[in-house]
Amino acid sequence: MSRPVRFAPEASAELEDATRWYEQRHVGLGLAFLAAVDVALEFVARSPGAGSPVAELPEDLDVRRVPVSRFPYHLAYLATTDQVHVLAVAHDRRRPIYWSGRAEQ
């Protein structure tokens, strides 16, 4: 059974920005990015404990990350008993864990 997925407002904005950026580079690439994010989201919804723990955060915050296939992005998320909170749609090489404050909200 999968859990519902909720995006932090900032994560939604990051998803929109990245999609727009890819689409401006090549028609259809933004849609390919969205499709890859959807696959990652389906995986997280079905198996929320399967992502890699984010080691830079306190142990009491079980924030995990899962890669977005084909793109240098990952989803940072926090799973609860009833849903998955996507904290960030983050680029792999830019500003590591800039989104960490969102995990404590």
PDB file of N, CA and C in Angstrom:
ATOM      1  N   MET A   1       0.841  -1.187   0.000  1.00  0.00           N
ATOM      2  CA  MET A   1       0.000   0.000   0.000  1.00  0.00           C
ATOM      3  C   MET A   1       0.879   1.239   0.000  1.00  0.00           C
ATOM      4  N   SER A   2       0.526   2.199  -0.800  1.00  0.00           N
ATOM      5  CA  SER A   2       1.359   3.396  -0.838  1.00  0.00           C
ATOM      6  C   SER A   2       0.770   4.516   0.000  1.00  0.00           C
ATOM      7  N   ARG A   3       1.674   5.348   0.458  1.00  0.00           N
ATOM      8  CA  ARG A   3       1.287   6.503   1.269  1.00  0.00           C
ATOM      9  C   ARG A   3       1.104   7.718   0.368  1.00  0.00           C
ATOM     10  N   PRO A   4       0.201   8.612   0.745  1.00  0.00           N
ATOM     11  CA  PRO A   4       0.074   9.849  -0.039  1.00  0.00           C
ATOM     12  C   PRO A   4       1.351  10.677   0.091  1.00  0.00           C
ATOM     13  N   VAL A   5       1.649  11.417  -0.958  1.00  0.00           N
ATOM     14  CA  VAL A   5       2.840  12.255  -0.994  1.00  0.00           C
ATOM     15  C   VAL A   5       2.415  13.718  -0.968  1.00  0.00           C
ATOM     16  N   ARG A   6       3.034  14.485  -0.092  1.00  0.00           N
ATOM     17  CA  ARG A   6       2.770  15.920   0.026  1.00  0.00           C
ATOM     18  C   ARG A   6       4.080  16.661  -0.194  1.00  0.00           C
ATOM     19  N   PHE A   7       4.025  17.753  -0.929  1.00  0.00           N
ATOM     20  CA  PHE A   7       5.195  18.576  -1.187  1.00  0.00           C
ATOM     21  C   PHE A   7       5.204  19.795  -0.287  1.00  0.00           C
ATOM     22  N   ALA A   8       6.363  20.107   0.271  1.00  0.00           N
ATOM     23  CA  ALA A   8       6.547  21.403   0.915  1.00  0.00           C
ATOM     24  C   ALA A   8       6.414  22.454  -0.185  1.00  0.00           C
ATOM     25  N   PRO A   9       5.897  23.633   0.129  1.00  0.00           N
ATOM     26  CA  PRO A   9       5.755  24.658  -0.918  1.00  0.00           C
ATOM     27  C   PRO A   9       7.065  24.942  -1.649  1.00  0.00           C
ATOM     28  N   GLU A  10       8.163  24.946  -0.919  1.00  0.00           N
ATOM     29  CA  GLU A  10       9.464  25.207  -1.537  1.00  0.00           C
ATOM     30  C   GLU A  10       9.847  24.087  -2.509  1.00  0.00           C
ATOM     31  N   ALA A  11       9.515  22.846  -2.152  1.00  0.00           N
ATOM     32  CA  ALA A  11       9.815  21.710  -3.033  1.00  0.00           C
ATOM     33  C   ALA A  11       8.994  21.792  -4.316  1.00  0.00           C
ATOM     34  N   SER A  12       7.754  22.230  -4.207  1.00  0.00           N
ATOM     35  CA  SER A  12       6.923  22.420  -5.409  1.00  0.00           C
ATOM     36  C   SER A  12       7.537  23.469  -6.325  1.00  0.00           C
ATOM     37  N   ALA A  13       8.009  24.556  -5.732  1.00  0.00           N
ATOM     38  CA  ALA A  13       8.639  25.613  -6.525  1.00  0.00           C
ATOM     39  C   ALA A  13       9.920  25.106  -7.182  1.00  0.00           C
ATOM     40  N   GLU A  14      10.690  24.308  -6.459  1.00  0.00           N
ATOM     41  CA  GLU A  14      11.921  23.741  -7.031  1.00  0.00           C
ATOM     42  C   GLU A  14      11.608  22.821  -8.205  1.00  0.00           C
ATOM     43  N   LEU A  15      10.558  22.032  -8.074  1.00  0.00           N
ATOM     44  CA  LEU A  15      10.153  21.134  -9.156  1.00  0.00           C
ATOM     45  C   LEU A  15       9.751  21.940 -10.389  1.00  0.00           C
ATOM     46  N   GLU A  16       8.964  22.974 -10.193  1.00  0.00           N
ATOM     47  CA  GLU A  16       8.545  23.825 -11.305  1.00  0.00           C
ATOM     48  C   GLU A  16       9.741  24.503 -11.968  1.00  0.00           C
ATOM     49  N   ASP A  17      10.656  25.034 -11.164  1.00  0.00           N
ATOM     50  CA  ASP A  17      11.835  25.721 -11.706  1.00  0.00           C
ATOM     51  C   ASP A  17      12.709  24.774 -12.525  1.00  0.00           C
ATOM     52  N   ALA A  18      12.973  23.597 -12.001  1.00  0.00           N
ATOM     53  CA  ALA A  18      13.824  22.636 -12.707  1.00  0.00           C
ATOM     54  C   ALA A  18      13.148  22.168 -13.994  1.00  0.00           C
ATOM     55  N   THR A  19      11.853  21.926 -13.931  1.00  0.00           N
ATOM     56  CA  THR A  19      11.116  21.496 -15.121  1.00  0.00           C
ATOM     57  C   THR A  19      11.185  22.568 -16.202  1.00  0.00           C
ATOM     58  N   ARG A  20      10.960  23.804 -15.807  1.00  0.00           N
ATOM     59  CA  ARG A  20      11.005  24.917 -16.751  1.00  0.00           C
ATOM     60  C   ARG A  20      12.404  25.040 -17.362  1.00  0.00           C
ATOM     61  N   TRP A  21      13.434  24.917 -16.527  1.00  0.00           N
ATOM     62  CA  TRP A  21      14.814  25.026 -17.000  1.00  0.00           C
ATOM     63  C   TRP A  21      15.109  23.955 -18.050  1.00  0.00           C
ATOM     64  N   TYR A  22      14.757  22.718 -17.769  1.00  0.00           N
ATOM     65  CA  TYR A  22      14.997  21.639 -18.730  1.00  0.00           C
ATOM     66  C   TYR A  22      14.195  21.836 -20.009  1.00  0.00           C
ATOM     67  N   GLU A  23      12.969  22.280 -19.877  1.00  0.00           N
ATOM     68  CA  GLU A  23      12.126  22.472 -21.065  1.00  0.00           C
ATOM     69  C   GLU A  23      12.673  23.589 -21.951  1.00  0.00           C
ATOM     70  N   GLN A  24      13.248  24.618 -21.350  1.00  0.00           N
ATOM     71  CA  GLN A  24      13.846  25.711 -22.126  1.00  0.00           C
ATOM     72  C   GLN A  24      15.104  25.252 -22.866  1.00  0.00           C
ATOM     73  N   ARG A  25      15.785  24.247 -22.331  1.00  0.00           N
ATOM     74  CA  ARG A  25      16.994  23.741 -22.979  1.00  0.00           C
ATOM     75  C   ARG A  25      16.675  22.851 -24.176  1.00  0.00           C
ATOM     76  N   HIS A  26      15.600  22.079 -24.023  1.00  0.00           N
ATOM     77  CA  HIS A  26      15.219  21.176 -25.112  1.00  0.00           C
ATOM     78  C   HIS A  26      13.745  20.814 -24.945  1.00  0.00           C
ATOM     79  N   VAL A  27      12.978  21.016 -25.981  1.00  0.00           N
ATOM     80  CA  VAL A  27      11.544  20.720 -25.922  1.00  0.00           C
ATOM     81  C   VAL A  27      11.353  19.240 -25.582  1.00  0.00           C
ATOM     82  N   GLY A  28      10.550  18.977 -24.572  1.00  0.00           N
ATOM     83  CA  GLY A  28      10.268  17.616 -24.137  1.00  0.00           C
ATOM     84  C   GLY A  28      11.130  17.154 -22.977  1.00  0.00           C
ATOM     85  N   LEU A  29      12.255  17.847 -22.731  1.00  0.00           N
ATOM     86  CA  LEU A  29      13.134  17.430 -21.639  1.00  0.00           C
ATOM     87  C   LEU A  29      12.511  17.726 -20.275  1.00  0.00           C
ATOM     88  N   GLY A  30      11.741  18.799 -20.195  1.00  0.00           N
ATOM     89  CA  GLY A  30      11.029  19.099 -18.955  1.00  0.00           C
ATOM     90  C   GLY A  30      10.032  18.008 -18.619  1.00  0.00           C
ATOM     91  N   LEU A  31       9.336  17.522 -19.630  1.00  0.00           N
ATOM     92  CA  LEU A  31       8.377  16.428 -19.414  1.00  0.00           C
ATOM     93  C   LEU A  31       9.100  15.145 -19.019  1.00  0.00           C
ATOM     94  N   ALA A  32      10.271  14.910 -19.594  1.00  0.00           N
ATOM     95  CA  ALA A  32      11.064  13.733 -19.214  1.00  0.00           C
ATOM     96  C   ALA A  32      11.508  13.838 -17.753  1.00  0.00           C
ATOM     97  N   PHE A  33      11.866  15.049 -17.333  1.00  0.00           N
ATOM     98  CA  PHE A  33      12.244  15.258 -15.937  1.00  0.00           C
ATOM     99  C   PHE A  33      11.057  14.972 -15.018  1.00  0.00           C
ATOM    100  N   LEU A  34       9.899  15.492 -15.362  1.00  0.00           N
ATOM    101  CA  LEU A  34       8.696  15.237 -14.554  1.00  0.00           C
ATOM    102  C   LEU A  34       8.379  13.749 -14.477  1.00  0.00           C
ATOM    103  N   ALA A  35       8.529  13.051 -15.586  1.00  0.00           N
ATOM    104  CA  ALA A  35       8.262  11.603 -15.592  1.00  0.00           C
ATOM    105  C   ALA A  35       9.238  10.876 -14.676  1.00  0.00           C
ATOM    106  N   ALA A  36      10.504  11.279 -14.675  1.00  0.00           N
ATOM    107  CA  ALA A  36      11.498  10.654 -13.803  1.00  0.00           C
ATOM    108  C   ALA A  36      11.203  10.955 -12.336  1.00  0.00           C
ATOM    109  N   VAL A  37      10.745  12.168 -12.041  1.00  0.00           N
ATOM    110  CA  VAL A  37      10.352  12.518 -10.678  1.00  0.00           C
ATOM    111  C   VAL A  37       9.152  11.672 -10.258  1.00  0.00           C
ATOM    112  N   ASP A  38       8.198  11.485 -11.157  1.00  0.00           N
ATOM    113  CA  ASP A  38       7.022  10.650 -10.847  1.00  0.00           C
ATOM    114  C   ASP A  38       7.425   9.219 -10.489  1.00  0.00           C
ATOM    115  N   VAL A  39       8.390   8.662 -11.215  1.00  0.00           N
ATOM    116  CA  VAL A  39       8.866   7.311 -10.903  1.00  0.00           C
ATOM    117  C   VAL A  39       9.477   7.285  -9.503  1.00  0.00           C
ATOM    118  N   ALA A  40      10.284   8.286  -9.191  1.00  0.00           N
ATOM    119  CA  ALA A  40      10.903   8.360  -7.858  1.00  0.00           C
ATOM    120  C   ALA A  40       9.827   8.512  -6.773  1.00  0.00           C
ATOM    121  N   LEU A  41       8.810   9.311  -7.044  1.00  0.00           N
ATOM    122  CA  LEU A  41       7.724   9.505  -6.078  1.00  0.00           C
ATOM    123  C   LEU A  41       6.937   8.216  -5.849  1.00  0.00           C
ATOM    124  N   GLU A  42       6.681   7.482  -6.905  1.00  0.00           N
ATOM    125  CA  GLU A  42       5.969   6.208  -6.762  1.00  0.00           C
ATOM    126  C   GLU A  42       6.784   5.237  -5.902  1.00  0.00           C
ATOM    127  N   PHE A  43       8.084   5.205  -6.123  1.00  0.00           N
ATOM    128  CA  PHE A  43       8.966   4.351  -5.327  1.00  0.00           C
ATOM    129  C   PHE A  43       8.910   4.739  -3.857  1.00  0.00           C
ATOM    130  N   VAL A  44       9.011   6.018  -3.580  1.00  0.00           N
ATOM    131  CA  VAL A  44       8.990   6.512  -2.194  1.00  0.00           C
ATOM    132  C   VAL A  44       7.637   6.233  -1.539  1.00  0.00           C
ATOM    133  N   ALA A  45       6.555   6.413  -2.270  1.00  0.00           N
ATOM    134  CA  ALA A  45       5.220   6.181  -1.714  1.00  0.00           C
ATOM    135  C   ALA A  45       5.024   4.716  -1.339  1.00  0.00           C
ATOM    136  N   ARG A  46       5.593   3.805  -2.144  1.00  0.00           N
ATOM    137  CA  ARG A  46       5.454   2.369  -1.869  1.00  0.00           C
ATOM    138  C   ARG A  46       6.449   1.878  -0.814  1.00  0.00           C
ATOM    139  N   SER A  47       7.654   2.420  -0.832  1.00  0.00           N
ATOM    140  CA  SER A  47       8.731   1.946   0.057  1.00  0.00           C
ATOM    141  C   SER A  47       9.450   3.124   0.695  1.00  0.00           C
ATOM    142  N   PRO A  48       8.802   3.836   1.605  1.00  0.00           N
ATOM    143  CA  PRO A  48       9.400   5.060   2.147  1.00  0.00           C
ATOM    144  C   PRO A  48      10.710   4.848   2.914  1.00  0.00           C
ATOM    145  N   GLY A  49      10.934   3.669   3.433  1.00  0.00           N
ATOM    146  CA  GLY A  49      12.173   3.421   4.163  1.00  0.00           C
ATOM    147  C   GLY A  49      13.337   3.028   3.286  1.00  0.00           C
ATOM    148  N   ALA A  50      13.118   2.929   1.989  1.00  0.00           N
ATOM    149  CA  ALA A  50      14.155   2.429   1.086  1.00  0.00           C
ATOM    150  C   ALA A  50      15.153   3.497   0.647  1.00  0.00           C
ATOM    151  N   GLY A  51      14.831   4.766   0.796  1.00  0.00           N
ATOM    152  CA  GLY A  51      15.771   5.813   0.414  1.00  0.00           C
ATOM    153  C   GLY A  51      16.977   5.832   1.337  1.00  0.00           C
ATOM    154  N   SER A  52      18.024   6.475   0.902  1.00  0.00           N
ATOM    155  CA  SER A  52      19.248   6.584   1.705  1.00  0.00           C
ATOM    156  C   SER A  52      19.072   7.644   2.777  1.00  0.00           C
ATOM    157  N   PRO A  53      19.465   7.351   4.019  1.00  0.00           N
ATOM    158  CA  PRO A  53      19.385   8.364   5.069  1.00  0.00           C
ATOM    159  C   PRO A  53      20.316   9.540   4.758  1.00  0.00           C
ATOM    160  N   VAL A  54      19.899  10.733   5.137  1.00  0.00           N
ATOM    161  CA  VAL A  54      20.735  11.920   4.978  1.00  0.00           C
ATOM    162  C   VAL A  54      21.557  12.042   6.256  1.00  0.00           C
ATOM    163  N   ALA A  55      22.822  11.704   6.150  1.00  0.00           N
ATOM    164  CA  ALA A  55      23.697  11.595   7.330  1.00  0.00           C
ATOM    165  C   ALA A  55      24.002  12.930   7.988  1.00  0.00           C
ATOM    166  N   GLU A  56      23.919  14.024   7.259  1.00  0.00           N
ATOM    167  CA  GLU A  56      24.287  15.327   7.801  1.00  0.00           C
ATOM    168  C   GLU A  56      23.268  15.901   8.785  1.00  0.00           C
ATOM    169  N   LEU A  57      22.140  15.258   8.934  1.00  0.00           N
ATOM    170  CA  LEU A  57      21.086  15.756   9.818  1.00  0.00           C
ATOM    171  C   LEU A  57      21.060  14.956  11.113  1.00  0.00           C
ATOM    172  N   PRO A  58      20.470  15.525  12.171  1.00  0.00           N
ATOM    173  CA  PRO A  58      20.371  14.785  13.435  1.00  0.00           C
ATOM    174  C   PRO A  58      19.668  13.450  13.250  1.00  0.00           C
ATOM    175  N   GLU A  59      20.082  12.458  14.036  1.00  0.00           N
ATOM    176  CA  GLU A  59      19.539  11.101  13.902  1.00  0.00           C
ATOM    177  C   GLU A  59      18.043  11.015  14.176  1.00  0.00           C
ATOM    178  N   ASP A  60      17.526  11.928  15.002  1.00  0.00           N
ATOM    179  CA  ASP A  60      16.097  11.867  15.316  1.00  0.00           C
ATOM    180  C   ASP A  60      15.219  12.335  14.149  1.00  0.00           C
ATOM    181  N   LEU A  61      15.841  12.921  13.133  1.00  0.00           N
ATOM    182  CA  LEU A  61      15.114  13.290  11.920  1.00  0.00           C
ATOM    183  C   LEU A  61      15.433  12.242  10.860  1.00  0.00           C
ATOM    184  N   ASP A  62      14.493  11.388  10.571  1.00  0.00           N
ATOM    185  CA  ASP A  62      14.726  10.308   9.618  1.00  0.00           C
ATOM    186  C   ASP A  62      14.464  10.784   8.184  1.00  0.00           C
ATOM    187  N   VAL A  63      15.252  11.774   7.770  1.00  0.00           N
ATOM    188  CA  VAL A  63      15.132  12.308   6.420  1.00  0.00           C
ATOM    189  C   VAL A  63      15.925  11.406   5.486  1.00  0.00           C
ATOM    190  N   ARG A  64      15.317  11.107   4.357  1.00  0.00           N
ATOM    191  CA  ARG A  64      15.938  10.220   3.384  1.00  0.00           C
ATOM    192  C   ARG A  64      15.966  10.898   2.027  1.00  0.00           C
ATOM    193  N   ARG A  65      16.751  10.300   1.138  1.00  0.00           N
ATOM    194  CA  ARG A  65      16.843  10.842  -0.215  1.00  0.00           C
ATOM    195  C   ARG A  65      16.773   9.708  -1.220  1.00  0.00           C
ATOM    196  N   VAL A  66      16.232  10.019  -2.373  1.00  0.00           N
ATOM    197  CA  VAL A  66      16.151   9.049  -3.463  1.00  0.00           C
ATOM    198  C   VAL A  66      16.519   9.794  -4.744  1.00  0.00           C
ATOM    199  N   PRO A  67      17.335   9.176  -5.598  1.00  0.00           N
ATOM    200  CA  PRO A  67      17.733   9.860  -6.830  1.00  0.00           C
ATOM    201  C   PRO A  67      16.610   9.927  -7.857  1.00  0.00           C
ATOM    202  N   VAL A  68      16.718  10.930  -8.717  1.00  0.00           N
ATOM    203  CA  VAL A  68      15.828  11.060  -9.863  1.00  0.00           C
ATOM    204  C   VAL A  68      16.616  10.518 -11.055  1.00  0.00           C
ATOM    205  N   SER A  69      16.159   9.427 -11.602  1.00  0.00           N
ATOM    206  CA  SER A  69      16.861   8.753 -12.694  1.00  0.00           C
ATOM    207  C   SER A  69      17.102   9.691 -13.881  1.00  0.00           C
ATOM    208  N   ARG A  70      18.301   9.589 -14.470  1.00  0.00           N
ATOM    209  CA  ARG A  70      18.723  10.343 -15.653  1.00  0.00           C
ATOM    210  C   ARG A  70      19.056  11.801 -15.404  1.00  0.00           C
ATOM    211  N   PHE A  71      18.757  12.313 -14.221  1.00  0.00           N
ATOM    212  CA  PHE A  71      18.966  13.729 -13.945  1.00  0.00           C
ATOM    213  C   PHE A  71      19.774  13.884 -12.656  1.00  0.00           C
ATOM    214  N   PRO A  72      20.554  14.959 -12.535  1.00  0.00           N
ATOM    215  CA  PRO A  72      21.370  15.148 -11.334  1.00  0.00           C
ATOM    216  C   PRO A  72      20.567  15.760 -10.181  1.00  0.00           C
ATOM    217  N   TYR A  73      19.456  15.145  -9.870  1.00  0.00           N
ATOM    218  CA  TYR A  73      18.560  15.606  -8.808  1.00  0.00           C
ATOM    219  C   TYR A  73      18.209  14.455  -7.886  1.00  0.00           C
ATOM    220  N   HIS A  74      17.763  14.820  -6.697  1.00  0.00           N
ATOM    221  CA  HIS A  74      17.227  13.828  -5.768  1.00  0.00           C
ATOM    222  C   HIS A  74      16.051  14.450  -5.025  1.00  0.00           C
ATOM    223  N   LEU A  75      15.221  13.585  -4.479  1.00  0.00           N
ATOM    224  CA  LEU A  75      14.119  14.022  -3.625  1.00  0.00           C
ATOM    225  C   LEU A  75      14.543  13.791  -2.187  1.00  0.00           C
ATOM    226  N   ALA A  76      14.441  14.810  -1.378  1.00  0.00           N
ATOM    227  CA  ALA A  76      14.671  14.673   0.054  1.00  0.00           C
ATOM    228  C   ALA A  76      13.294  14.621   0.700  1.00  0.00           C
ATOM    229  N   TYR A  77      13.083  13.616   1.551  1.00  0.00           N
ATOM    230  CA  TYR A  77      11.737  13.432   2.101  1.00  0.00           C
ATOM    231  C   TYR A  77      11.782  12.904   3.529  1.00  0.00           C
ATOM    232  N   LEU A  78      10.684  13.092   4.198  1.00  0.00           N
ATOM    233  CA  LEU A  78      10.480  12.614   5.555  1.00  0.00           C
ATOM    234  C   LEU A  78       9.187  11.813   5.554  1.00  0.00           C
ATOM    235  N   ALA A  79       9.272  10.552   5.909  1.00  0.00           N
ATOM    236  CA  ALA A  79       8.091   9.686   5.920  1.00  0.00           C
ATOM    237  C   ALA A  79       7.507   9.631   7.330  1.00  0.00           C
ATOM    238  N   THR A  80       6.204   9.768   7.412  1.00  0.00           N
ATOM    239  CA  THR A  80       5.496   9.570   8.672  1.00  0.00           C
ATOM    240  C   THR A  80       4.648   8.316   8.519  1.00  0.00           C
ATOM    241  N   THR A  81       3.916   7.967   9.548  1.00  0.00           N
ATOM    242  CA  THR A  81       3.108   6.757   9.475  1.00  0.00           C
ATOM    243  C   THR A  81       1.992   6.852   8.442  1.00  0.00           C
ATOM    244  N   ASP A  82       1.567   8.077   8.102  1.00  0.00           N
ATOM    245  CA  ASP A  82       0.442   8.194   7.182  1.00  0.00           C
ATOM    246  C   ASP A  82       0.739   8.890   5.857  1.00  0.00           C
ATOM    247  N   GLN A  83       1.928   9.483   5.712  1.00  0.00           N
ATOM    248  CA  GLN A  83       2.240  10.138   4.446  1.00  0.00           C
ATOM    249  C   GLN A  83       3.739  10.367   4.276  1.00  0.00           C
ATOM    250  N   VAL A  84       4.103  10.828   3.090  1.00  0.00           N
ATOM    251  CA  VAL A  84       5.491  11.160   2.776  1.00  0.00           C
ATOM    252  C   VAL A  84       5.535  12.652   2.469  1.00  0.00           C
ATOM    253  N   HIS A  85       6.424  13.376   3.155  1.00  0.00           N
ATOM    254  CA  HIS A  85       6.595  14.820   2.952  1.00  0.00           C
ATOM    255  C   HIS A  85       7.851  15.040   2.124  1.00  0.00           C
ATOM    256  N   VAL A  86       7.698  15.538   0.910  1.00  0.00           N
ATOM    257  CA  VAL A  86       8.859  15.867   0.093  1.00  0.00           C
ATOM    258  C   VAL A  86       9.333  17.246   0.532  1.00  0.00           C
ATOM    259  N   LEU A  87      10.552  17.282   1.047  1.00  0.00           N
ATOM    260  CA  LEU A  87      11.117  18.520   1.560  1.00  0.00           C
ATOM    261  C   LEU A  87      11.823  19.322   0.474  1.00  0.00           C
ATOM    262  N   ALA A  88      12.415  18.622  -0.499  1.00  0.00           N
ATOM    263  CA  ALA A  88      13.175  19.319  -1.530  1.00  0.00           C
ATOM    264  C   ALA A  88      13.285  18.475  -2.786  1.00  0.00           C
ATOM    265  N   VAL A  89      13.324  19.164  -3.911  1.00  0.00           N
ATOM    266  CA  VAL A  89      13.720  18.597  -5.191  1.00  0.00           C
ATOM    267  C   VAL A  89      15.058  19.274  -5.451  1.00  0.00           C
ATOM    268  N   ALA A  90      16.133  18.605  -5.035  1.00  0.00           N
ATOM    269  CA  ALA A  90      17.438  19.249  -4.934  1.00  0.00           C
ATOM    270  C   ALA A  90      18.424  18.748  -5.977  1.00  0.00           C
ATOM    271  N   HIS A  91      19.211  19.676  -6.485  1.00  0.00           N
ATOM    272  CA  HIS A  91      20.288  19.329  -7.408  1.00  0.00           C
ATOM    273  C   HIS A  91      21.386  18.635  -6.607  1.00  0.00           C
ATOM    274  N   ASP A  92      21.989  17.617  -7.192  1.00  0.00           N
ATOM    275  CA  ASP A  92      22.989  16.815  -6.482  1.00  0.00           C
ATOM    276  C   ASP A  92      24.262  17.580  -6.137  1.00  0.00           C
ATOM    277  N   ARG A  93      24.605  18.600  -6.909  1.00  0.00           N
ATOM    278  CA  ARG A  93      25.891  19.250  -6.707  1.00  0.00           C
ATOM    279  C   ARG A  93      25.807  20.709  -6.274  1.00  0.00           C
ATOM    280  N   ARG A  94      24.638  21.201  -6.015  1.00  0.00           N
ATOM    281  CA  ARG A  94      24.484  22.603  -5.614  1.00  0.00           C
ATOM    282  C   ARG A  94      24.020  22.705  -4.173  1.00  0.00           C
ATOM    283  N   ARG A  95      24.630  23.559  -3.427  1.00  0.00           N
ATOM    284  CA  ARG A  95      24.228  23.890  -2.052  1.00  0.00           C
ATOM    285  C   ARG A  95      23.752  22.669  -1.259  1.00  0.00           C
ATOM    286  N   PRO A  96      24.652  21.814  -0.860  1.00  0.00           N
ATOM    287  CA  PRO A  96      24.249  20.601  -0.122  1.00  0.00           C
ATOM    288  C   PRO A  96      23.375  20.929   1.096  1.00  0.00           C
ATOM    289  N   ILE A  97      22.379  20.173   1.252  1.00  0.00           N
ATOM    290  CA  ILE A  97      21.342  20.220   2.306  1.00  0.00           C
ATOM    291  C   ILE A  97      20.901  21.630   2.717  1.00  0.00           C
ATOM    292  N   TYR A  98      20.815  22.546   1.760  1.00  0.00           N
ATOM    293  CA  TYR A  98      20.288  23.892   2.012  1.00  0.00           C
ATOM    294  C   TYR A  98      18.884  23.831   2.589  1.00  0.00           C
ATOM    295  N   TRP A  99      18.192  22.759   2.336  1.00  0.00           N
ATOM    296  CA  TRP A  99      16.784  22.583   2.698  1.00  0.00           C
ATOM    297  C   TRP A  99      16.616  22.007   4.111  1.00  0.00           C
ATOM    298  N   SER A 100      17.683  21.796   4.841  1.00  0.00           N
ATOM    299  CA  SER A 100      17.620  21.077   6.124  1.00  0.00           C
ATOM    300  C   SER A 100      16.662  21.717   7.128  1.00  0.00           C
ATOM    301  N   GLY A 101      16.504  23.018   7.101  1.00  0.00           N
ATOM    302  CA  GLY A 101      15.576  23.679   8.010  1.00  0.00           C
ATOM    303  C   GLY A 101      14.126  23.266   7.788  1.00  0.00           C
ATOM    304  N   ARG A 102      13.813  22.803   6.623  1.00  0.00           N
ATOM    305  CA  ARG A 102      12.440  22.363   6.321  1.00  0.00           C
ATOM    306  C   ARG A 102      12.094  21.078   7.070  1.00  0.00           C
ATOM    307  N   ALA A 103      13.088  20.295   7.417  1.00  0.00           N
ATOM    308  CA  ALA A 103      12.845  19.035   8.107  1.00  0.00           C
ATOM    309  C   ALA A 103      12.361  19.253   9.538  1.00  0.00           C
ATOM    310  N   GLU A 104      12.653  20.388  10.086  1.00  0.00           N
ATOM    311  CA  GLU A 104      12.301  20.649  11.479  1.00  0.00           C
ATOM    312  C   GLU A 104      10.959  21.347  11.609  1.00  0.00           C
ATOM    313  N   GLN A 105      10.333  21.676  10.493  1.00  0.00           N
ATOM    314  CA  GLN A 105       9.045  22.396  10.543  1.00  0.00           C
ATOM    315  C   GLN A 105       7.891  21.466  10.794  1.00  0.00           C
TER     316      GLN A 105
END
